[in-house]
Amino acid sequence: MTYLTRQVRTAGLCAVAAVALALAGCTGNPKPEDMANNGYAAPGTPRDFITKAGDLVYFSTDNVELSPESQQTLMNQARWLKQYAEHPIMIEGHADERGTREYNIALGAKRAQAVRNFLIQQGINPARIRTASFGKERPVAVCNDISCWSQNRRAQTVVNGRGDARS
């Protein structure tokens, strides 16, 4: 097969693939599994909450104060939660690996409570909000460095979709 023949054949295959892709885009509404794989989040779903509001806020070392960035994320969460009032939430408090287990459980609880209080101040019904502390037991990053520790000092808001939340 000559070089020119290969080039023509390759160009033809590319044209066929382009037409197939174009036609696939015209087949109507995407399937739910396709949407999940392409970053689509159906309105009112836990994934929509993460995408539109953000589910994480971070804290400084040994601190429970909400930074301006954290407050902005929580304002976004409150807006979403007001729009989708049927969803209860769980706020999980976390700490980095330094300190005792007991200290970090208490710190995680205070972080979760700080987030809960902020959301209540924004008009979220306290009956929808549960809190839990995992201390240092569920790190998202593991290393003996500030880059990991800063990722683990967090509170995560989880939309659980069940109607049984208790504070």
N, C-alpha and C. Protein backbone atom coordinates (compact mmCIF):
# COMPACT_ATOMS: atom_id res chain seq x y z
N MET A 1 0.85 -1.16 0.00
CA MET A 1 0.00 0.00 0.00
C MET A 1 0.90 1.23 0.00
N THR A 2 0.61 2.16 -0.86
CA THR A 2 1.44 3.35 -0.98
C THR A 2 1.09 4.35 0.11
N TYR A 3 1.98 5.29 0.27
CA TYR A 3 1.78 6.35 1.26
C TYR A 3 0.50 7.12 0.96
N LEU A 4 0.26 7.47 -0.29
CA LEU A 4 -0.91 8.24 -0.68
C LEU A 4 -2.19 7.45 -0.41
N THR A 5 -2.18 6.16 -0.68
CA THR A 5 -3.35 5.32 -0.43
C THR A 5 -3.67 5.28 1.07
N ARG A 6 -2.63 5.16 1.89
CA ARG A 6 -2.85 5.17 3.34
C ARG A 6 -3.43 6.49 3.81
N GLN A 7 -2.95 7.60 3.26
CA GLN A 7 -3.44 8.91 3.64
C GLN A 7 -4.92 9.06 3.28
N VAL A 8 -5.29 8.62 2.08
CA VAL A 8 -6.68 8.71 1.64
C VAL A 8 -7.57 7.83 2.52
N ARG A 9 -7.10 6.62 2.80
CA ARG A 9 -7.88 5.71 3.64
C ARG A 9 -8.06 6.30 5.05
N THR A 10 -7.00 6.87 5.63
CA THR A 10 -7.08 7.48 6.96
C THR A 10 -8.04 8.65 6.95
N ALA A 11 -7.97 9.49 5.94
CA ALA A 11 -8.88 10.64 5.85
C ALA A 11 -10.32 10.17 5.74
N GLY A 12 -10.56 9.11 4.98
CA GLY A 12 -11.91 8.57 4.85
C GLY A 12 -12.44 8.04 6.17
N LEU A 13 -11.60 7.33 6.92
CA LEU A 13 -12.01 6.82 8.22
C LEU A 13 -12.31 7.96 9.19
N CYS A 14 -11.51 9.00 9.13
CA CYS A 14 -11.74 10.17 10.00
C CYS A 14 -13.07 10.82 9.65
N ALA A 15 -13.38 10.92 8.37
CA ALA A 15 -14.64 11.52 7.94
C ALA A 15 -15.83 10.69 8.43
N VAL A 16 -15.74 9.38 8.32
CA VAL A 16 -16.81 8.49 8.78
C VAL A 16 -16.99 8.65 10.29
N ALA A 17 -15.90 8.70 11.03
CA ALA A 17 -15.98 8.86 12.49
C ALA A 17 -16.61 10.21 12.85
N ALA A 18 -16.26 11.26 12.13
CA ALA A 18 -16.83 12.59 12.41
C ALA A 18 -18.33 12.60 12.16
N VAL A 19 -18.78 11.97 11.08
CA VAL A 19 -20.21 11.90 10.78
C VAL A 19 -20.93 11.10 11.85
N ALA A 20 -20.34 9.99 12.28
CA ALA A 20 -20.96 9.16 13.31
C ALA A 20 -21.10 9.94 14.62
N LEU A 21 -20.08 10.68 14.97
CA LEU A 21 -20.15 11.48 16.20
C LEU A 21 -21.20 12.57 16.08
N ALA A 22 -21.28 13.21 14.93
CA ALA A 22 -22.27 14.26 14.73
C ALA A 22 -23.68 13.70 14.82
N LEU A 23 -23.91 12.54 14.23
CA LEU A 23 -25.23 11.92 14.30
C LEU A 23 -25.56 11.47 15.71
N ALA A 24 -24.58 10.98 16.44
CA ALA A 24 -24.81 10.56 17.82
C ALA A 24 -25.26 11.73 18.68
N GLY A 25 -24.77 12.92 18.39
CA GLY A 25 -25.16 14.11 19.14
C GLY A 25 -26.58 14.54 18.85
N CYS A 26 -27.20 14.02 17.82
CA CYS A 26 -28.54 14.41 17.42
C CYS A 26 -29.59 13.38 17.79
N THR A 27 -29.26 12.41 18.63
CA THR A 27 -30.18 11.32 18.92
C THR A 27 -31.18 11.64 20.01
N GLY A 28 -31.22 12.84 20.53
CA GLY A 28 -32.20 13.18 21.56
C GLY A 28 -31.53 13.39 22.90
N ASN A 29 -32.31 13.16 23.95
CA ASN A 29 -31.81 13.39 25.31
C ASN A 29 -30.77 12.36 25.69
N PRO A 30 -29.74 12.79 26.43
CA PRO A 30 -28.73 11.82 26.87
C PRO A 30 -29.30 10.89 27.93
N LYS A 31 -28.74 9.70 28.00
CA LYS A 31 -29.13 8.73 29.01
C LYS A 31 -28.54 9.14 30.35
N PRO A 32 -29.19 8.80 31.46
CA PRO A 32 -28.66 9.17 32.77
C PRO A 32 -27.23 8.70 32.99
N GLU A 33 -26.89 7.49 32.54
CA GLU A 33 -25.53 7.01 32.76
C GLU A 33 -24.52 7.82 31.94
N ASP A 34 -24.93 8.30 30.75
CA ASP A 34 -24.04 9.15 29.97
C ASP A 34 -23.85 10.50 30.65
N MET A 35 -24.94 11.03 31.21
CA MET A 35 -24.86 12.33 31.87
C MET A 35 -23.94 12.25 33.08
N ALA A 36 -24.03 11.17 33.84
CA ALA A 36 -23.19 11.02 35.02
C ALA A 36 -21.72 10.96 34.63
N ASN A 37 -21.43 10.35 33.51
CA ASN A 37 -20.04 10.22 33.08
C ASN A 37 -19.50 11.49 32.44
N ASN A 38 -20.37 12.40 32.07
CA ASN A 38 -19.93 13.64 31.42
C ASN A 38 -20.02 14.84 32.34
N GLY A 39 -20.17 14.64 33.63
CA GLY A 39 -20.18 15.75 34.57
C GLY A 39 -21.55 16.39 34.75
N TYR A 40 -22.59 15.87 34.11
CA TYR A 40 -23.92 16.41 34.27
C TYR A 40 -24.45 16.03 35.64
N ALA A 41 -25.10 16.96 36.29
CA ALA A 41 -25.72 16.68 37.58
C ALA A 41 -27.19 17.10 37.49
N ALA A 42 -28.08 16.15 37.67
CA ALA A 42 -29.50 16.47 37.64
C ALA A 42 -29.82 17.43 38.77
N PRO A 43 -30.66 18.43 38.51
CA PRO A 43 -31.02 19.41 39.54
C PRO A 43 -31.59 18.74 40.79
N GLY A 44 -31.16 19.20 41.95
CA GLY A 44 -31.67 18.70 43.21
C GLY A 44 -31.03 17.43 43.72
N THR A 45 -30.00 16.93 43.03
CA THR A 45 -29.33 15.71 43.46
C THR A 45 -28.11 16.05 44.31
N PRO A 46 -27.61 15.08 45.07
CA PRO A 46 -26.38 15.33 45.82
C PRO A 46 -25.22 15.79 44.94
N ARG A 47 -25.12 15.25 43.75
CA ARG A 47 -24.06 15.68 42.83
C ARG A 47 -24.24 17.14 42.41
N ASP A 48 -25.49 17.54 42.21
CA ASP A 48 -25.81 18.94 41.88
C ASP A 48 -25.37 19.86 43.03
N PHE A 49 -25.60 19.41 44.27
CA PHE A 49 -25.18 20.18 45.44
C PHE A 49 -23.67 20.40 45.42
N ILE A 50 -22.92 19.33 45.19
CA ILE A 50 -21.46 19.44 45.17
C ILE A 50 -21.01 20.37 44.05
N THR A 51 -21.62 20.21 42.87
CA THR A 51 -21.22 20.99 41.70
C THR A 51 -21.55 22.47 41.86
N LYS A 52 -22.77 22.76 42.33
CA LYS A 52 -23.24 24.15 42.36
C LYS A 52 -22.89 24.89 43.65
N ALA A 53 -22.92 24.18 44.78
CA ALA A 53 -22.72 24.86 46.05
C ALA A 53 -21.32 24.61 46.62
N GLY A 54 -20.80 23.43 46.40
CA GLY A 54 -19.54 23.03 47.04
C GLY A 54 -19.85 22.38 48.36
N ASP A 55 -19.19 21.29 48.65
CA ASP A 55 -19.50 20.54 49.87
C ASP A 55 -18.43 20.64 50.95
N LEU A 56 -17.32 21.32 50.67
CA LEU A 56 -16.20 21.35 51.61
C LEU A 56 -15.85 22.78 52.04
N VAL A 57 -15.55 22.93 53.32
CA VAL A 57 -14.92 24.15 53.82
C VAL A 57 -13.70 23.72 54.62
N TYR A 58 -12.69 24.56 54.63
CA TYR A 58 -11.41 24.23 55.26
C TYR A 58 -11.13 25.16 56.43
N PHE A 59 -10.30 24.67 57.35
CA PHE A 59 -9.98 25.40 58.57
C PHE A 59 -8.47 25.50 58.74
N SER A 60 -8.06 26.50 59.48
CA SER A 60 -6.65 26.63 59.87
C SER A 60 -6.36 25.65 61.00
N THR A 61 -5.08 25.49 61.30
CA THR A 61 -4.65 24.58 62.36
C THR A 61 -5.30 24.96 63.68
N ASP A 62 -5.83 23.96 64.39
CA ASP A 62 -6.44 24.13 65.71
C ASP A 62 -7.48 25.25 65.74
N ASN A 63 -8.24 25.40 64.67
CA ASN A 63 -9.15 26.53 64.55
C ASN A 63 -10.53 26.05 64.11
N VAL A 64 -11.55 26.78 64.56
CA VAL A 64 -12.92 26.51 64.15
C VAL A 64 -13.57 27.72 63.50
N GLU A 65 -12.79 28.77 63.28
CA GLU A 65 -13.31 29.99 62.66
C GLU A 65 -13.51 29.78 61.16
N LEU A 66 -14.61 30.30 60.64
CA LEU A 66 -14.90 30.19 59.21
C LEU A 66 -14.23 31.34 58.46
N SER A 67 -13.40 31.00 57.50
CA SER A 67 -12.72 32.01 56.67
C SER A 67 -13.74 32.65 55.74
N PRO A 68 -13.40 33.80 55.14
CA PRO A 68 -14.31 34.41 54.15
C PRO A 68 -14.64 33.45 53.00
N GLU A 69 -13.66 32.66 52.57
CA GLU A 69 -13.92 31.69 51.49
C GLU A 69 -14.91 30.62 51.95
N SER A 70 -14.74 30.16 53.19
CA SER A 70 -15.66 29.17 53.74
C SER A 70 -17.06 29.74 53.87
N GLN A 71 -17.16 30.98 54.31
CA GLN A 71 -18.47 31.61 54.44
C GLN A 71 -19.15 31.73 53.08
N GLN A 72 -18.40 32.03 52.05
CA GLN A 72 -18.98 32.12 50.70
C GLN A 72 -19.50 30.75 50.26
N THR A 73 -18.73 29.71 50.49
CA THR A 73 -19.19 28.36 50.15
C THR A 73 -20.46 28.03 50.92
N LEU A 74 -20.51 28.37 52.20
CA LEU A 74 -21.69 28.08 53.01
C LEU A 74 -22.90 28.91 52.58
N MET A 75 -22.68 30.11 52.09
CA MET A 75 -23.78 30.91 51.52
C MET A 75 -24.34 30.19 50.29
N ASN A 76 -23.46 29.65 49.47
CA ASN A 76 -23.90 28.88 48.30
C ASN A 76 -24.68 27.64 48.73
N GLN A 77 -24.19 26.97 49.77
CA GLN A 77 -24.90 25.81 50.29
C GLN A 77 -26.29 26.20 50.78
N ALA A 78 -26.37 27.29 51.52
CA ALA A 78 -27.66 27.72 52.06
C ALA A 78 -28.65 28.03 50.92
N ARG A 79 -28.18 28.69 49.87
CA ARG A 79 -29.07 28.97 48.73
C ARG A 79 -29.60 27.68 48.12
N TRP A 80 -28.71 26.72 47.92
CA TRP A 80 -29.12 25.44 47.34
C TRP A 80 -30.09 24.72 48.27
N LEU A 81 -29.76 24.69 49.55
CA LEU A 81 -30.61 23.99 50.52
C LEU A 81 -31.98 24.62 50.65
N LYS A 82 -32.08 25.93 50.47
CA LYS A 82 -33.39 26.59 50.48
C LYS A 82 -34.20 26.20 49.24
N GLN A 83 -33.53 26.07 48.13
CA GLN A 83 -34.19 25.69 46.89
C GLN A 83 -34.68 24.25 46.94
N TYR A 84 -33.91 23.38 47.56
CA TYR A 84 -34.25 21.96 47.64
C TYR A 84 -34.46 21.58 49.11
N ALA A 85 -35.54 22.08 49.67
CA ALA A 85 -35.79 21.98 51.11
C ALA A 85 -36.13 20.57 51.58
N GLU A 86 -36.33 19.64 50.66
CA GLU A 86 -36.66 18.28 51.07
C GLU A 86 -35.45 17.47 51.52
N HIS A 87 -34.25 17.99 51.29
CA HIS A 87 -33.04 17.22 51.59
C HIS A 87 -32.48 17.52 52.98
N PRO A 88 -32.38 16.51 53.83
CA PRO A 88 -31.63 16.68 55.08
C PRO A 88 -30.13 16.57 54.77
N ILE A 89 -29.32 17.05 55.68
CA ILE A 89 -27.87 17.00 55.47
C ILE A 89 -27.16 16.49 56.71
N MET A 90 -25.96 16.01 56.46
CA MET A 90 -25.04 15.62 57.54
C MET A 90 -23.78 16.47 57.36
N ILE A 91 -23.36 17.12 58.42
CA ILE A 91 -22.11 17.88 58.38
C ILE A 91 -21.07 17.06 59.14
N GLU A 92 -20.03 16.69 58.42
CA GLU A 92 -18.96 15.87 58.99
C GLU A 92 -17.76 16.75 59.31
N GLY A 93 -17.33 16.73 60.55
CA GLY A 93 -16.15 17.48 60.97
C GLY A 93 -14.92 16.60 60.96
N HIS A 94 -13.80 17.15 60.46
CA HIS A 94 -12.56 16.39 60.34
C HIS A 94 -11.38 17.22 60.85
N ALA A 95 -10.31 16.52 61.19
CA ALA A 95 -9.07 17.16 61.65
C ALA A 95 -7.88 16.48 60.98
N ASP A 96 -6.72 17.12 61.08
CA ASP A 96 -5.52 16.47 60.53
C ASP A 96 -4.99 15.45 61.53
N GLU A 97 -3.94 14.77 61.17
CA GLU A 97 -3.45 13.63 61.97
C GLU A 97 -2.72 14.03 63.24
N ARG A 98 -2.38 15.29 63.39
CA ARG A 98 -1.64 15.71 64.58
C ARG A 98 -2.58 15.82 65.77
N GLY A 99 -2.10 15.52 66.94
CA GLY A 99 -2.91 15.58 68.15
C GLY A 99 -3.50 14.23 68.48
N THR A 100 -4.06 14.15 69.68
CA THR A 100 -4.64 12.89 70.13
C THR A 100 -5.98 12.63 69.44
N ARG A 101 -6.40 11.39 69.49
CA ARG A 101 -7.69 11.03 68.90
C ARG A 101 -8.81 11.83 69.56
N GLU A 102 -8.78 11.93 70.89
CA GLU A 102 -9.82 12.64 71.63
C GLU A 102 -9.86 14.12 71.26
N TYR A 103 -8.67 14.73 71.17
CA TYR A 103 -8.61 16.15 70.81
C TYR A 103 -9.20 16.37 69.42
N ASN A 104 -8.84 15.50 68.48
CA ASN A 104 -9.29 15.68 67.11
C ASN A 104 -10.78 15.39 66.94
N ILE A 105 -11.32 14.46 67.71
CA ILE A 105 -12.77 14.23 67.69
C ILE A 105 -13.50 15.48 68.17
N ALA A 106 -13.01 16.07 69.26
CA ALA A 106 -13.63 17.30 69.78
C ALA A 106 -13.50 18.44 68.78
N LEU A 107 -12.33 18.57 68.14
CA LEU A 107 -12.12 19.64 67.16
C LEU A 107 -13.03 19.45 65.95
N GLY A 108 -13.15 18.22 65.47
CA GLY A 108 -14.05 17.95 64.35
C GLY A 108 -15.50 18.28 64.70
N ALA A 109 -15.90 17.98 65.92
CA ALA A 109 -17.27 18.29 66.37
C ALA A 109 -17.50 19.80 66.38
N LYS A 110 -16.51 20.55 66.85
CA LYS A 110 -16.64 22.02 66.88
C LYS A 110 -16.70 22.59 65.47
N ARG A 111 -15.95 22.01 64.55
CA ARG A 111 -15.98 22.47 63.16
C ARG A 111 -17.34 22.20 62.53
N ALA A 112 -17.87 21.01 62.76
CA ALA A 112 -19.19 20.68 62.23
C ALA A 112 -20.25 21.60 62.83
N GLN A 113 -20.13 21.89 64.11
CA GLN A 113 -21.08 22.77 64.78
C GLN A 113 -20.98 24.20 64.24
N ALA A 114 -19.78 24.67 63.95
CA ALA A 114 -19.61 26.02 63.38
C ALA A 114 -20.33 26.12 62.04
N VAL A 115 -20.21 25.08 61.21
CA VAL A 115 -20.89 25.07 59.91
C VAL A 115 -22.40 25.02 60.13
N ARG A 116 -22.84 24.16 61.02
CA ARG A 116 -24.28 24.05 61.33
C ARG A 116 -24.84 25.39 61.76
N ASN A 117 -24.16 26.04 62.70
CA ASN A 117 -24.64 27.34 63.19
C ASN A 117 -24.72 28.36 62.07
N PHE A 118 -23.74 28.39 61.19
CA PHE A 118 -23.75 29.33 60.08
C PHE A 118 -24.96 29.07 59.17
N LEU A 119 -25.20 27.81 58.84
CA LEU A 119 -26.33 27.49 57.96
C LEU A 119 -27.67 27.84 58.62
N ILE A 120 -27.77 27.62 59.91
CA ILE A 120 -28.99 27.98 60.63
C ILE A 120 -29.19 29.49 60.57
N GLN A 121 -28.11 30.25 60.74
CA GLN A 121 -28.19 31.72 60.64
C GLN A 121 -28.65 32.16 59.26
N GLN A 122 -28.41 31.34 58.25
CA GLN A 122 -28.83 31.66 56.88
C GLN A 122 -30.26 31.20 56.60
N GLY A 123 -30.92 30.64 57.60
CA GLY A 123 -32.32 30.27 57.45
C GLY A 123 -32.59 28.80 57.19
N ILE A 124 -31.59 27.95 57.35
CA ILE A 124 -31.81 26.52 57.16
C ILE A 124 -32.39 25.93 58.44
N ASN A 125 -33.44 25.14 58.32
CA ASN A 125 -34.13 24.54 59.45
C ASN A 125 -33.17 23.61 60.20
N PRO A 126 -32.96 23.84 61.49
CA PRO A 126 -32.05 22.99 62.27
C PRO A 126 -32.44 21.51 62.26
N ALA A 127 -33.73 21.21 62.08
CA ALA A 127 -34.17 19.82 62.07
C ALA A 127 -33.63 19.04 60.87
N ARG A 128 -33.19 19.75 59.86
CA ARG A 128 -32.63 19.10 58.66
C ARG A 128 -31.16 18.75 58.82
N ILE A 129 -30.52 19.22 59.87
CA ILE A 129 -29.07 19.14 59.97
C ILE A 129 -28.63 18.20 61.09
N ARG A 130 -27.83 17.21 60.73
CA ARG A 130 -27.15 16.36 61.69
C ARG A 130 -25.66 16.66 61.61
N THR A 131 -24.95 16.38 62.68
CA THR A 131 -23.49 16.56 62.66
C THR A 131 -22.83 15.29 63.17
N ALA A 132 -21.59 15.11 62.72
CA ALA A 132 -20.77 14.00 63.19
C ALA A 132 -19.31 14.44 63.13
N SER A 133 -18.52 13.91 64.01
CA SER A 133 -17.10 14.19 63.98
C SER A 133 -16.34 12.90 63.72
N PHE A 134 -15.41 12.97 62.79
CA PHE A 134 -14.56 11.83 62.49
C PHE A 134 -13.12 12.10 62.91
N GLY A 135 -12.87 13.29 63.48
CA GLY A 135 -11.52 13.61 63.94
C GLY A 135 -10.51 13.38 62.85
N LYS A 136 -9.49 12.58 63.16
CA LYS A 136 -8.44 12.29 62.18
C LYS A 136 -8.64 10.93 61.51
N GLU A 137 -9.81 10.30 61.73
CA GLU A 137 -10.05 8.93 61.29
C GLU A 137 -10.31 8.77 59.80
N ARG A 138 -10.68 9.83 59.10
CA ARG A 138 -11.00 9.72 57.66
C ARG A 138 -10.23 10.77 56.85
N PRO A 139 -8.93 10.65 56.79
CA PRO A 139 -8.16 11.63 56.02
C PRO A 139 -8.40 11.47 54.51
N VAL A 140 -8.37 12.58 53.80
CA VAL A 140 -8.44 12.51 52.33
C VAL A 140 -7.04 12.50 51.74
N ALA A 141 -6.07 12.94 52.51
CA ALA A 141 -4.68 12.95 52.08
C ALA A 141 -3.83 12.43 53.24
N VAL A 142 -2.87 11.56 52.91
CA VAL A 142 -2.04 10.97 53.96
C VAL A 142 -0.57 11.23 53.65
N CYS A 143 0.04 12.07 54.45
CA CYS A 143 1.48 12.31 54.42
C CYS A 143 1.81 13.17 55.62
N ASN A 144 3.05 13.26 55.96
CA ASN A 144 3.47 14.03 57.12
C ASN A 144 3.94 15.40 56.66
N ASP A 145 2.98 16.18 56.10
CA ASP A 145 3.33 17.45 55.49
C ASP A 145 2.10 18.37 55.52
N ILE A 146 2.35 19.67 55.51
CA ILE A 146 1.27 20.66 55.53
C ILE A 146 0.32 20.50 54.34
N SER A 147 0.83 20.04 53.20
CA SER A 147 -0.03 19.88 52.03
C SER A 147 -1.14 18.87 52.29
N CYS A 148 -0.87 17.85 53.07
CA CYS A 148 -1.89 16.87 53.43
C CYS A 148 -2.73 17.36 54.61
N TRP A 149 -2.07 17.88 55.61
CA TRP A 149 -2.79 18.32 56.80
C TRP A 149 -3.87 19.34 56.45
N SER A 150 -3.55 20.28 55.56
CA SER A 150 -4.51 21.34 55.22
C SER A 150 -5.74 20.77 54.51
N GLN A 151 -5.60 19.68 53.78
CA GLN A 151 -6.76 19.06 53.12
C GLN A 151 -7.65 18.32 54.10
N ASN A 152 -7.07 17.87 55.20
CA ASN A 152 -7.82 17.09 56.19
C ASN A 152 -8.53 17.94 57.22
N ARG A 153 -8.16 19.21 57.36
CA ARG A 153 -8.82 20.12 58.31
C ARG A 153 -10.05 20.70 57.61
N ARG A 154 -11.16 19.98 57.71
CA ARG A 154 -12.31 20.35 56.89
C ARG A 154 -13.62 19.99 57.58
N ALA A 155 -14.68 20.56 57.03
CA ALA A 155 -16.04 20.11 57.31
C ALA A 155 -16.68 19.84 55.96
N GLN A 156 -17.36 18.72 55.87
CA GLN A 156 -17.98 18.32 54.61
C GLN A 156 -19.48 18.19 54.83
N THR A 157 -20.24 18.87 53.97
CA THR A 157 -21.69 18.80 54.02
C THR A 157 -22.14 17.73 53.04
N VAL A 158 -22.87 16.75 53.55
CA VAL A 158 -23.32 15.62 52.74
C VAL A 158 -24.83 15.64 52.65
N VAL A 159 -25.33 15.73 51.43
CA VAL A 159 -26.77 15.64 51.19
C VAL A 159 -27.08 14.15 51.15
N ASN A 160 -27.87 13.70 52.11
CA ASN A 160 -28.09 12.25 52.20
C ASN A 160 -29.40 11.79 51.62
N GLY A 161 -30.29 12.71 51.27
CA GLY A 161 -31.50 12.33 50.57
C GLY A 161 -32.54 11.59 51.38
N ARG A 162 -32.32 11.38 52.66
CA ARG A 162 -33.31 10.72 53.51
C ARG A 162 -34.02 11.77 54.35
N GLY A 163 -35.24 11.50 54.69
CA GLY A 163 -36.04 12.46 55.45
C GLY A 163 -35.96 12.28 56.95
N ASP A 164 -34.87 11.73 57.48
CA ASP A 164 -34.82 11.43 58.90
C ASP A 164 -33.70 12.17 59.63
N ALA A 165 -33.31 13.33 59.16
CA ALA A 165 -32.21 14.05 59.80
C ALA A 165 -32.64 14.54 61.19
N ARG A 166 -31.73 14.43 62.10
CA ARG A 166 -31.94 14.96 63.46
C ARG A 166 -30.70 15.74 63.85
N SER A 167 -30.88 16.79 64.60
CA SER A 167 -29.72 17.58 65.03
C SER A 167 -29.08 16.99 66.24
